PDB file of all heavy atoms in Angstrom:
ATOM      1  N   TYR A   1      -9.532 -26.784  35.962  1.00  0.00           N
ATOM      2  CA  TYR A   1      -9.138 -26.319  34.636  1.00  0.00           C
ATOM      3  C   TYR A   1      -8.996 -27.510  33.702  1.00  0.00           C
ATOM      4  O   TYR A   1      -8.601 -28.602  34.128  1.00  0.00           O
ATOM      5  CB  TYR A   1      -7.786 -25.604  34.675  1.00  0.00           C
ATOM      6  CG  TYR A   1      -7.737 -24.340  35.495  1.00  0.00           C
ATOM      7  CD1 TYR A   1      -7.207 -24.347  36.788  1.00  0.00           C
ATOM      8  CD2 TYR A   1      -8.226 -23.145  35.001  1.00  0.00           C
ATOM      9  CE1 TYR A   1      -7.155 -23.196  37.551  1.00  0.00           C
ATOM     10  CE2 TYR A   1      -8.180 -21.983  35.759  1.00  0.00           C
ATOM     11  CZ  TYR A   1      -7.652 -22.014  37.030  1.00  0.00           C
ATOM     12  OH  TYR A   1      -7.607 -20.875  37.785  1.00  0.00           O
ATOM     13  N   VAL A   2      -9.269 -27.287  32.426  1.00  0.00           N
ATOM     14  CA  VAL A   2      -8.914 -28.287  31.433  1.00  0.00           C
ATOM     15  C   VAL A   2      -7.393 -28.305  31.328  1.00  0.00           C
ATOM     16  O   VAL A   2      -6.726 -27.280  31.537  1.00  0.00           O
ATOM     17  CB  VAL A   2      -9.574 -27.955  30.072  1.00  0.00           C
ATOM     18  CG1 VAL A   2      -9.006 -26.686  29.470  1.00  0.00           C
ATOM     19  CG2 VAL A   2      -9.458 -29.109  29.124  1.00  0.00           C
ATOM     20  N   ASP A   3      -6.818 -29.472  31.049  1.00  0.00           N
ATOM     21  CA  ASP A   3      -5.357 -29.612  31.060  1.00  0.00           C
ATOM     22  C   ASP A   3      -4.667 -28.611  30.133  1.00  0.00           C
ATOM     23  O   ASP A   3      -3.581 -28.113  30.441  1.00  0.00           O
ATOM     24  CB  ASP A   3      -4.959 -31.035  30.656  1.00  0.00           C
ATOM     25  CG  ASP A   3      -5.213 -32.043  31.754  1.00  0.00           C
ATOM     26  OD1 ASP A   3      -5.444 -31.619  32.906  1.00  0.00           O
ATOM     27  OD2 ASP A   3      -5.191 -33.246  31.476  1.00  0.00           O
ATOM     28  N   ALA A   4      -5.300 -28.291  29.014  1.00  0.00           N
ATOM     29  CA  ALA A   4      -4.659 -27.437  28.009  1.00  0.00           C
ATOM     30  C   ALA A   4      -4.382 -26.020  28.494  1.00  0.00           C
ATOM     31  O   ALA A   4      -3.549 -25.315  27.911  1.00  0.00           O
ATOM     32  CB  ALA A   4      -5.515 -27.390  26.754  1.00  0.00           C
ATOM     33  N   VAL A   5      -5.059 -25.584  29.560  1.00  0.00           N
ATOM     34  CA  VAL A   5      -4.890 -24.204  30.016  1.00  0.00           C
ATOM     35  C   VAL A   5      -4.270 -24.105  31.404  1.00  0.00           C
ATOM     36  O   VAL A   5      -4.021 -22.997  31.893  1.00  0.00           O
ATOM     37  CB  VAL A   5      -6.221 -23.429  29.984  1.00  0.00           C
ATOM     38  CG1 VAL A   5      -6.887 -23.557  28.620  1.00  0.00           C
ATOM     39  CG2 VAL A   5      -7.165 -23.878  31.092  1.00  0.00           C
ATOM     40  N   LYS A   6      -4.013 -25.243  32.040  1.00  0.00           N
ATOM     41  CA  LYS A   6      -3.430 -25.221  33.385  1.00  0.00           C
ATOM     42  C   LYS A   6      -2.094 -24.485  33.381  1.00  0.00           C
ATOM     43  O   LYS A   6      -1.252 -24.700  32.520  1.00  0.00           O
ATOM     44  CB  LYS A   6      -3.235 -26.648  33.898  1.00  0.00           C
ATOM     45  CG  LYS A   6      -4.513 -27.314  34.343  1.00  0.00           C
ATOM     46  CD  LYS A   6      -4.247 -28.721  34.861  1.00  0.00           C
ATOM     47  CE  LYS A   6      -5.531 -29.400  35.309  1.00  0.00           C
ATOM     48  NZ  LYS A   6      -5.300 -30.796  35.742  1.00  0.00           N
ATOM     49  N   GLY A   7      -1.935 -23.597  34.355  1.00  0.00           N
ATOM     50  CA  GLY A   7      -0.708 -22.820  34.458  1.00  0.00           C
ATOM     51  C   GLY A   7      -0.706 -21.557  33.620  1.00  0.00           C
ATOM     52  O   GLY A   7       0.190 -20.724  33.760  1.00  0.00           O
ATOM     53  N   ARG A   8      -1.683 -21.409  32.734  1.00  0.00           N
ATOM     54  CA  ARG A   8      -1.756 -20.216  31.880  1.00  0.00           C
ATOM     55  C   ARG A   8      -2.994 -19.369  32.146  1.00  0.00           C
ATOM     56  O   ARG A   8      -2.947 -18.151  32.024  1.00  0.00           O
ATOM     57  CB  ARG A   8      -1.745 -20.617  30.405  1.00  0.00           C
ATOM     58  CG  ARG A   8      -0.512 -21.405  29.982  1.00  0.00           C
ATOM     59  CD  ARG A   8      -0.477 -21.591  28.473  1.00  0.00           C
ATOM     60  NE  ARG A   8      -1.616 -22.367  27.975  1.00  0.00           N
ATOM     61  CZ  ARG A   8      -2.475 -21.920  27.046  1.00  0.00           C
ATOM     62  NH1 ARG A   8      -2.335 -20.724  26.526  1.00  0.00           N
ATOM     63  NH2 ARG A   8      -3.477 -22.702  26.637  1.00  0.00           N
ATOM     64  N   PHE A   9      -4.105 -20.013  32.466  1.00  0.00           N
ATOM     65  CA  PHE A   9      -5.374 -19.319  32.694  1.00  0.00           C
ATOM     66  C   PHE A   9      -5.709 -19.336  34.182  1.00  0.00           C
ATOM     67  O   PHE A   9      -5.404 -20.309  34.889  1.00  0.00           O
ATOM     68  CB  PHE A   9      -6.504 -19.998  31.943  1.00  0.00           C
ATOM     69  CG  PHE A   9      -6.461 -19.862  30.442  1.00  0.00           C
ATOM     70  CD1 PHE A   9      -5.344 -19.379  29.775  1.00  0.00           C
ATOM     71  CD2 PHE A   9      -7.577 -20.222  29.682  1.00  0.00           C
ATOM     72  CE1 PHE A   9      -5.324 -19.256  28.400  1.00  0.00           C
ATOM     73  CE2 PHE A   9      -7.571 -20.097  28.303  1.00  0.00           C
ATOM     74  CZ  PHE A   9      -6.430 -19.624  27.664  1.00  0.00           C
ATOM     75  N   THR A  10      -6.394 -18.275  34.624  1.00  0.00           N
ATOM     76  CA  THR A  10      -6.856 -18.191  36.008  1.00  0.00           C
ATOM     77  C   THR A  10      -8.297 -17.722  36.028  1.00  0.00           C
ATOM     78  O   THR A  10      -8.619 -16.662  35.491  1.00  0.00           O
ATOM     79  CB  THR A  10      -5.992 -17.221  36.820  1.00  0.00           C
ATOM     80  OG1 THR A  10      -4.619 -17.633  36.775  1.00  0.00           O
ATOM     81  CG2 THR A  10      -6.458 -17.187  38.270  1.00  0.00           C
ATOM     82  N   ILE A  11      -9.162 -18.520  36.654  1.00  0.00           N
ATOM     83  CA  ILE A  11     -10.554 -18.125  36.826  1.00  0.00           C
ATOM     84  C   ILE A  11     -10.730 -17.573  38.239  1.00  0.00           C
ATOM     85  O   ILE A  11     -10.118 -18.073  39.192  1.00  0.00           O
ATOM     86  CB  ILE A  11     -11.505 -19.320  36.574  1.00  0.00           C
ATOM     87  CG1 ILE A  11     -12.962 -18.865  36.543  1.00  0.00           C
ATOM     88  CG2 ILE A  11     -11.299 -20.427  37.604  1.00  0.00           C
ATOM     89  CD1 ILE A  11     -13.946 -19.944  36.099  1.00  0.00           C
ATOM     90  N   SER A  12     -11.549 -16.536  38.353  1.00  0.00           N
ATOM     91  CA  SER A  12     -11.825 -15.949  39.665  1.00  0.00           C
ATOM     92  C   SER A  12     -13.223 -15.351  39.638  1.00  0.00           C
ATOM     93  O   SER A  12     -13.832 -15.212  38.571  1.00  0.00           O
ATOM     94  CB  SER A  12     -10.785 -14.885  40.021  1.00  0.00           C
ATOM     95  OG  SER A  12     -10.809 -13.821  39.086  1.00  0.00           O
ATOM     96  N   ARG A  13     -13.718 -15.006  40.809  1.00  0.00           N
ATOM     97  CA  ARG A  13     -15.049 -14.401  40.889  1.00  0.00           C
ATOM     98  C   ARG A  13     -15.063 -13.316  41.946  1.00  0.00           C
ATOM     99  O   ARG A  13     -14.351 -13.401  42.960  1.00  0.00           O
ATOM    100  CB  ARG A  13     -16.109 -15.460  41.190  1.00  0.00           C
ATOM    101  CG  ARG A  13     -15.988 -16.124  42.545  1.00  0.00           C
ATOM    102  CD  ARG A  13     -16.924 -17.330  42.648  1.00  0.00           C
ATOM    103  NE  ARG A  13     -18.331 -16.938  42.555  1.00  0.00           N
ATOM    104  CZ  ARG A  13     -19.309 -17.784  42.246  1.00  0.00           C
ATOM    105  NH1 ARG A  13     -19.045 -19.052  41.991  1.00  0.00           N
ATOM    106  NH2 ARG A  13     -20.561 -17.346  42.202  1.00  0.00           N
ATOM    107  N   ASP A  14     -15.914 -12.313  41.697  1.00  0.00           N
ATOM    108  CA  ASP A  14     -16.147 -11.230  42.650  1.00  0.00           C
ATOM    109  C   ASP A  14     -17.645 -11.203  42.922  1.00  0.00           C
ATOM    110  O   ASP A  14     -18.427 -10.712  42.099  1.00  0.00           O
ATOM    111  CB  ASP A  14     -15.662  -9.903  42.068  1.00  0.00           C
ATOM    112  CG  ASP A  14     -15.766  -8.758  43.058  1.00  0.00           C
ATOM    113  OD1 ASP A  14     -16.591  -8.834  43.988  1.00  0.00           O
ATOM    114  OD2 ASP A  14     -15.033  -7.770  42.895  1.00  0.00           O
ATOM    115  N   ASN A  15     -18.032 -11.752  44.057  1.00  0.00           N
ATOM    116  CA  ASN A  15     -19.461 -11.851  44.368  1.00  0.00           C
ATOM    117  C   ASN A  15     -20.099 -10.488  44.607  1.00  0.00           C
ATOM    118  O   ASN A  15     -21.307 -10.327  44.438  1.00  0.00           O
ATOM    119  CB  ASN A  15     -19.673 -12.767  45.564  1.00  0.00           C
ATOM    120  CG  ASN A  15     -19.400 -14.228  45.247  1.00  0.00           C
ATOM    121  OD1 ASN A  15     -19.373 -14.626  44.083  1.00  0.00           O
ATOM    122  ND2 ASN A  15     -19.169 -15.018  46.283  1.00  0.00           N
ATOM    123  N   ASP A  16     -19.314  -9.516  45.015  1.00  0.00           N
ATOM    124  CA  ASP A  16     -19.868  -8.164  45.208  1.00  0.00           C
ATOM    125  C   ASP A  16     -20.233  -7.524  43.883  1.00  0.00           C
ATOM    126  O   ASP A  16     -21.127  -6.667  43.821  1.00  0.00           O
ATOM    127  CB  ASP A  16     -18.867  -7.288  45.943  1.00  0.00           C
ATOM    128  CG  ASP A  16     -18.660  -7.726  47.384  1.00  0.00           C
ATOM    129  OD1 ASP A  16     -19.593  -8.331  47.954  1.00  0.00           O
ATOM    130  OD2 ASP A  16     -17.577  -7.473  47.936  1.00  0.00           O
ATOM    131  N   LYS A  17     -19.536  -7.911  42.812  1.00  0.00           N
ATOM    132  CA  LYS A  17     -19.791  -7.347  41.488  1.00  0.00           C
ATOM    133  C   LYS A  17     -20.549  -8.295  40.574  1.00  0.00           C
ATOM    134  O   LYS A  17     -20.765  -7.983  39.398  1.00  0.00           O
ATOM    135  CB  LYS A  17     -18.460  -6.960  40.826  1.00  0.00           C
ATOM    136  CG  LYS A  17     -17.707  -5.861  41.553  1.00  0.00           C
ATOM    137  CD  LYS A  17     -16.418  -5.497  40.816  1.00  0.00           C
ATOM    138  CE  LYS A  17     -15.691  -4.371  41.541  1.00  0.00           C
ATOM    139  NZ  LYS A  17     -14.423  -4.007  40.856  1.00  0.00           N
ATOM    140  N   ASN A  18     -20.945  -9.463  41.104  1.00  0.00           N
ATOM    141  CA  ASN A  18     -21.656 -10.469  40.289  1.00  0.00           C
ATOM    142  C   ASN A  18     -20.891 -10.773  39.004  1.00  0.00           C
ATOM    143  O   ASN A  18     -21.489 -10.911  37.924  1.00  0.00           O
ATOM    144  CB  ASN A  18     -23.075  -9.987  39.942  1.00  0.00           C
ATOM    145  CG  ASN A  18     -24.017 -10.066  41.117  1.00  0.00           C
ATOM    146  OD1 ASN A  18     -23.617 -10.355  42.243  1.00  0.00           O
ATOM    147  ND2 ASN A  18     -25.282  -9.792  40.870  1.00  0.00           N
ATOM    148  N   THR A  19     -19.608 -10.904  39.117  1.00  0.00           N
ATOM    149  CA  THR A  19     -18.754 -11.042  37.942  1.00  0.00           C
ATOM    150  C   THR A  19     -17.761 -12.189  38.111  1.00  0.00           C
ATOM    151  O   THR A  19     -17.184 -12.369  39.194  1.00  0.00           O
ATOM    152  CB  THR A  19     -17.998  -9.735  37.671  1.00  0.00           C
ATOM    153  OG1 THR A  19     -18.947  -8.681  37.443  1.00  0.00           O
ATOM    154  CG2 THR A  19     -17.112  -9.850  36.433  1.00  0.00           C
ATOM    155  N   VAL A  20     -17.574 -12.938  37.030  1.00  0.00           N
ATOM    156  CA  VAL A  20     -16.548 -13.976  36.970  1.00  0.00           C
ATOM    157  C   VAL A  20     -15.544 -13.564  35.898  1.00  0.00           C
ATOM    158  O   VAL A  20     -15.912 -12.972  34.880  1.00  0.00           O
ATOM    159  CB  VAL A  20     -17.171 -15.357  36.681  1.00  0.00           C
ATOM    160  CG1 VAL A  20     -17.900 -15.388  35.358  1.00  0.00           C
ATOM    161  CG2 VAL A  20     -16.121 -16.453  36.749  1.00  0.00           C
ATOM    162  N   TYR A  21     -14.277 -13.864  36.165  1.00  0.00           N
ATOM    163  CA  TYR A  21     -13.198 -13.447  35.281  1.00  0.00           C
ATOM    164  C   TYR A  21     -12.435 -14.659  34.761  1.00  0.00           C
ATOM    165  O   TYR A  21     -12.403 -15.721  35.402  1.00  0.00           O
ATOM    166  CB  TYR A  21     -12.213 -12.540  36.022  1.00  0.00           C
ATOM    167  CG  TYR A  21     -12.837 -11.310  36.630  1.00  0.00           C
ATOM    168  CD1 TYR A  21     -13.201 -11.285  37.975  1.00  0.00           C
ATOM    169  CD2 TYR A  21     -13.066 -10.171  35.865  1.00  0.00           C
ATOM    170  CE1 TYR A  21     -13.769 -10.158  38.544  1.00  0.00           C
ATOM    171  CE2 TYR A  21     -13.638  -9.037  36.423  1.00  0.00           C
ATOM    172  CZ  TYR A  21     -13.996  -9.035  37.759  1.00  0.00           C
ATOM    173  OH  TYR A  21     -14.572  -7.920  38.315  1.00  0.00           O
ATOM    174  N   LEU A  22     -11.786 -14.473  33.611  1.00  0.00           N
ATOM    175  CA  LEU A  22     -10.846 -15.459  33.114  1.00  0.00           C
ATOM    176  C   LEU A  22      -9.613 -14.708  32.637  1.00  0.00           C
ATOM    177  O   LEU A  22      -9.651 -14.016  31.611  1.00  0.00           O
ATOM    178  CB  LEU A  22     -11.439 -16.284  31.968  1.00  0.00           C
ATOM    179  CG  LEU A  22     -10.559 -17.447  31.489  1.00  0.00           C
ATOM    180  CD1 LEU A  22     -10.451 -18.515  32.588  1.00  0.00           C
ATOM    181  CD2 LEU A  22     -11.112 -18.067  30.203  1.00  0.00           C
ATOM    182  N   GLU A  23      -8.552 -14.817  33.417  1.00  0.00           N
ATOM    183  CA  GLU A  23      -7.278 -14.212  33.056  1.00  0.00           C
ATOM    184  C   GLU A  23      -6.513 -15.215  32.209  1.00  0.00           C
ATOM    185  O   GLU A  23      -6.273 -16.361  32.648  1.00  0.00           O
ATOM    186  CB  GLU A  23      -6.483 -13.871  34.321  1.00  0.00           C
ATOM    187  CG  GLU A  23      -5.181 -13.137  34.074  1.00  0.00           C
ATOM    188  CD  GLU A  23      -5.393 -11.662  33.768  1.00  0.00           C
ATOM    189  OE1 GLU A  23      -6.322 -11.059  34.325  1.00  0.00           O
ATOM    190  OE2 GLU A  23      -4.605 -11.131  32.959  1.00  0.00           O
ATOM    191  N   MET A  24      -6.143 -14.804  30.998  1.00  0.00           N
ATOM    192  CA  MET A  24      -5.497 -15.718  30.055  1.00  0.00           C
ATOM    193  C   MET A  24      -4.121 -15.181  29.699  1.00  0.00           C
ATOM    194  O   MET A  24      -4.003 -14.083  29.157  1.00  0.00           O
ATOM    195  CB  MET A  24      -6.344 -15.877  28.788  1.00  0.00           C
ATOM    196  CG  MET A  24      -7.780 -16.297  29.069  1.00  0.00           C
ATOM    197  SD  MET A  24      -8.723 -16.614  27.561  1.00  0.00           S
ATOM    198  CE  MET A  24      -8.786 -14.968  26.880  1.00  0.00           C
ATOM    199  N   ASN A  25      -3.096 -15.951  30.020  1.00  0.00           N
ATOM    200  CA  ASN A  25      -1.724 -15.579  29.733  1.00  0.00           C
ATOM    201  C   ASN A  25      -1.081 -16.594  28.793  1.00  0.00           C
ATOM    202  O   ASN A  25      -1.580 -17.709  28.635  1.00  0.00           O
ATOM    203  CB  ASN A  25      -0.924 -15.490  31.033  1.00  0.00           C
ATOM    204  CG  ASN A  25      -1.451 -14.433  31.973  1.00  0.00           C
ATOM    205  OD1 ASN A  25      -1.706 -13.299  31.574  1.00  0.00           O
ATOM    206  ND2 ASN A  25      -1.630 -14.800  33.237  1.00  0.00           N
ATOM    207  N   SER A  26       0.046 -16.200  28.208  1.00  0.00           N
ATOM    208  CA  SER A  26       0.781 -17.078  27.280  1.00  0.00           C
ATOM    209  C   SER A  26      -0.163 -17.670  26.233  1.00  0.00           C
ATOM    210  O   SER A  26      -0.133 -18.882  25.957  1.00  0.00           O
ATOM    211  CB  SER A  26       1.482 -18.190  28.060  1.00  0.00           C
ATOM    212  OG  SER A  26       2.380 -17.656  29.012  1.00  0.00           O
ATOM    213  N   LEU A  27      -0.982 -16.831  25.659  1.00  0.00           N
ATOM    214  CA  LEU A  27      -1.973 -17.296  24.688  1.00  0.00           C
ATOM    215  C   LEU A  27      -1.299 -17.847  23.443  1.00  0.00           C
ATOM    216  O   LEU A  27      -0.267 -17.338  22.978  1.00  0.00           O
ATOM    217  CB  LEU A  27      -2.920 -16.166  24.327  1.00  0.00           C
ATOM    218  CG  LEU A  27      -3.989 -15.875  25.389  1.00  0.00           C
ATOM    219  CD1 LEU A  27      -4.584 -14.489  25.196  1.00  0.00           C
ATOM    220  CD2 LEU A  27      -5.072 -16.937  25.359  1.00  0.00           C
ATOM    221  N   GLN A  28      -1.909 -18.888  22.907  1.00  0.00           N
ATOM    222  CA  GLN A  28      -1.406 -19.572  21.722  1.00  0.00           C
ATOM    223  C   GLN A  28      -2.500 -19.617  20.653  1.00  0.00           C
ATOM    224  O   GLN A  28      -3.695 -19.510  20.974  1.00  0.00           O
ATOM    225  CB  GLN A  28      -0.947 -20.977  22.086  1.00  0.00           C
ATOM    226  CG  GLN A  28       0.160 -21.025  23.112  1.00  0.00           C
ATOM    227  CD  GLN A  28       1.403 -20.268  22.666  1.00  0.00           C
ATOM    228  OE1 GLN A  28       1.839 -20.372  21.513  1.00  0.00           O
ATOM    229  NE2 GLN A  28       1.981 -19.502  23.576  1.00  0.00           N
ATOM    230  N   PRO A  29      -2.117 -19.805  19.392  1.00  0.00           N
ATOM    231  CA  PRO A  29      -3.142 -19.854  18.340  1.00  0.00           C
ATOM    232  C   PRO A  29      -4.237 -20.879  18.607  1.00  0.00           C
ATOM    233  O   PRO A  29      -5.390 -20.641  18.224  1.00  0.00           O
ATOM    234  CB  PRO A  29      -2.314 -20.218  17.092  1.00  0.00           C
ATOM    235  CG  PRO A  29      -0.967 -19.625  17.349  1.00  0.00           C
ATOM    236  CD  PRO A  29      -0.747 -19.817  18.824  1.00  0.00           C
ATOM    237  N   GLU A  30      -3.910 -21.961  19.263  1.00  0.00           N
ATOM    238  CA  GLU A  30      -4.930 -22.981  19.550  1.00  0.00           C
ATOM    239  C   GLU A  30      -5.941 -22.536  20.596  1.00  0.00           C
ATOM    240  O   GLU A  30      -6.931 -23.233  20.821  1.00  0.00           O
ATOM    241  CB  GLU A  30      -4.274 -24.296  19.972  1.00  0.00           C
ATOM    242  CG  GLU A  30      -3.291 -24.172  21.115  1.00  0.00           C
ATOM    243  CD  GLU A  30      -1.844 -24.027  20.622  1.00  0.00           C
ATOM    244  OE1 GLU A  30      -1.631 -23.397  19.558  1.00  0.00           O
ATOM    245  OE2 GLU A  30      -0.947 -24.524  21.327  1.00  0.00           O
ATOM    246  N   ASP A  31      -5.707 -21.390  21.228  1.00  0.00           N
ATOM    247  CA  ASP A  31      -6.678 -20.833  22.158  1.00  0.00           C
ATOM    248  C   ASP A  31      -7.742 -20.010  21.433  1.00  0.00           C
ATOM    249  O   ASP A  31      -8.704 -19.548  22.064  1.00  0.00           O
ATOM    250  CB  ASP A  31      -5.990 -19.939  23.195  1.00  0.00           C
ATOM    251  CG  ASP A  31      -5.036 -20.713  24.089  1.00  0.00           C
ATOM    252  OD1 ASP A  31      -5.423 -21.802  24.568  1.00  0.00           O
ATOM    253  OD2 ASP A  31      -3.913 -20.226  24.321  1.00  0.00           O
ATOM    254  N   THR A  32      -7.580 -19.810  20.150  1.00  0.00           N
ATOM    255  CA  THR A  32      -8.556 -19.058  19.367  1.00  0.00           C
ATOM    256  C   THR A  32      -9.906 -19.749  19.398  1.00  0.00           C
ATOM    257  O   THR A  32     -10.022 -20.935  19.063  1.00  0.00           O
ATOM    258  CB  THR A  32      -8.076 -18.917  17.908  1.00  0.00           C
ATOM    259  OG1 THR A  32      -6.886 -18.126  17.887  1.00  0.00           O
ATOM    260  CG2 THR A  32      -9.144 -18.259  17.052  1.00  0.00           C
ATOM    261  N   ALA A  33     -10.924 -19.007  19.818  1.00  0.00           N
ATOM    262  CA  ALA A  33     -12.272 -19.566  19.969  1.00  0.00           C
ATOM    263  C   ALA A  33     -13.221 -18.464  20.401  1.00  0.00           C
ATOM    264  O   ALA A  33     -12.780 -17.368  20.765  1.00  0.00           O
ATOM    265  CB  ALA A  33     -12.274 -20.684  21.009  1.00  0.00           C
ATOM    266  N   VAL A  34     -14.492 -18.784  20.377  1.00  0.00           N
ATOM    267  CA  VAL A  34     -15.478 -17.953  21.060  1.00  0.00           C
ATOM    268  C   VAL A  34     -15.593 -18.482  22.485  1.00  0.00           C
ATOM    269  O   VAL A  34     -15.793 -19.678  22.687  1.00  0.00           O
ATOM    270  CB  VAL A  34     -16.842 -17.991  20.352  1.00  0.00           C
ATOM    271  CG1 VAL A  34     -17.855 -17.139  21.118  1.00  0.00           C
ATOM    272  CG2 VAL A  34     -16.716 -17.507  18.914  1.00  0.00           C
ATOM    273  N   TYR A  35     -15.449 -17.593  23.445  1.00  0.00           N
ATOM    274  CA  TYR A  35     -15.483 -17.955  24.858  1.00  0.00           C
ATOM    275  C   TYR A  35     -16.845 -17.577  25.441  1.00  0.00           C
ATOM    276  O   TYR A  35     -17.318 -16.444  25.247  1.00  0.00           O
ATOM    277  CB  TYR A  35     -14.355 -17.260  25.612  1.00  0.00           C
ATOM    278  CG  TYR A  35     -13.009 -17.897  25.350  1.00  0.00           C
ATOM    279  CD1 TYR A  35     -12.383 -17.776  24.121  1.00  0.00           C
ATOM    280  CD2 TYR A  35     -12.378 -18.655  26.342  1.00  0.00           C
ATOM    281  CE1 TYR A  35     -11.162 -18.387  23.873  1.00  0.00           C
ATOM    282  CE2 TYR A  35     -11.148 -19.258  26.103  1.00  0.00           C
ATOM    283  CZ  TYR A  35     -10.552 -19.126  24.864  1.00  0.00           C
ATOM    284  OH  TYR A  35      -9.346 -19.731  24.619  1.00  0.00           O
ATOM    285  N   TYR A  36     -17.442 -18.535  26.157  1.00  0.00           N
ATOM    286  CA  TYR A  36     -18.767 -18.360  26.719  1.00  0.00           C
ATOM    287  C   TYR A  36     -18.742 -18.503  28.237  1.00  0.00           C
ATOM    288  O   TYR A  36     -18.099 -19.410  28.775  1.00  0.00           O
ATOM    289  CB  TYR A  36     -19.726 -19.412  26.171  1.00  0.00           C
ATOM    290  CG  TYR A  36     -19.966 -19.356  24.691  1.00  0.00           C
ATOM    291  CD1 TYR A  36     -19.188 -20.094  23.811  1.00  0.00           C
ATOM    292  CD2 TYR A  36     -20.994 -18.565  24.159  1.00  0.00           C
ATOM    293  CE1 TYR A  36     -19.408 -20.053  22.444  1.00  0.00           C
ATOM    294  CE2 TYR A  36     -21.224 -18.519  22.795  1.00  0.00           C
ATOM    295  CZ  TYR A  36     -20.423 -19.264  21.944  1.00  0.00           C
ATOM    296  OH  TYR A  36     -20.654 -19.222  20.590  1.00  0.00           O
ATOM    297  N   CYS A  37     -19.493 -17.651  28.881  1.00  0.00           N
ATOM    298  CA  CYS A  37     -19.724 -17.740  30.312  1.00  0.00           C
ATOM    299  C   CYS A  37     -20.948 -18.633  30.536  1.00  0.00           C
ATOM    300  O   CYS A  37     -21.903 -18.596  29.736  1.00  0.00           O
ATOM    301  CB  CYS A  37     -19.975 -16.331  30.829  1.00  0.00           C
ATOM    302  SG  CYS A  37     -20.274 -16.183  32.571  1.00  0.00           S
ATOM    303  N   ASN A  38     -20.945 -19.392  31.609  1.00  0.00           N
ATOM    304  CA  ASN A  38     -22.021 -20.360  31.838  1.00  0.00           C
ATOM    305  C   ASN A  38     -22.319 -20.517  33.324  1.00  0.00           C
ATOM    306  O   ASN A  38     -21.422 -20.446  34.166  1.00  0.00           O
ATOM    307  CB  ASN A  38     -21.606 -21.715  31.266  1.00  0.00           C
ATOM    308  CG  ASN A  38     -22.426 -22.867  31.785  1.00  0.00           C
ATOM    309  OD1 ASN A  38     -22.068 -23.495  32.792  1.00  0.00           O
ATOM    310  ND2 ASN A  38     -23.550 -23.134  31.137  1.00  0.00           N
TER     311      ASN A  38
END
């Protein structure tokens, strides 16, 4: 994780569903952005 999101965001993946997730908690205005999967 980038330091700015440690302890607040959780990345996970489900290979059966070909899907990656980003759980974002305690969101702050500085988290405002367009989020891209890569």
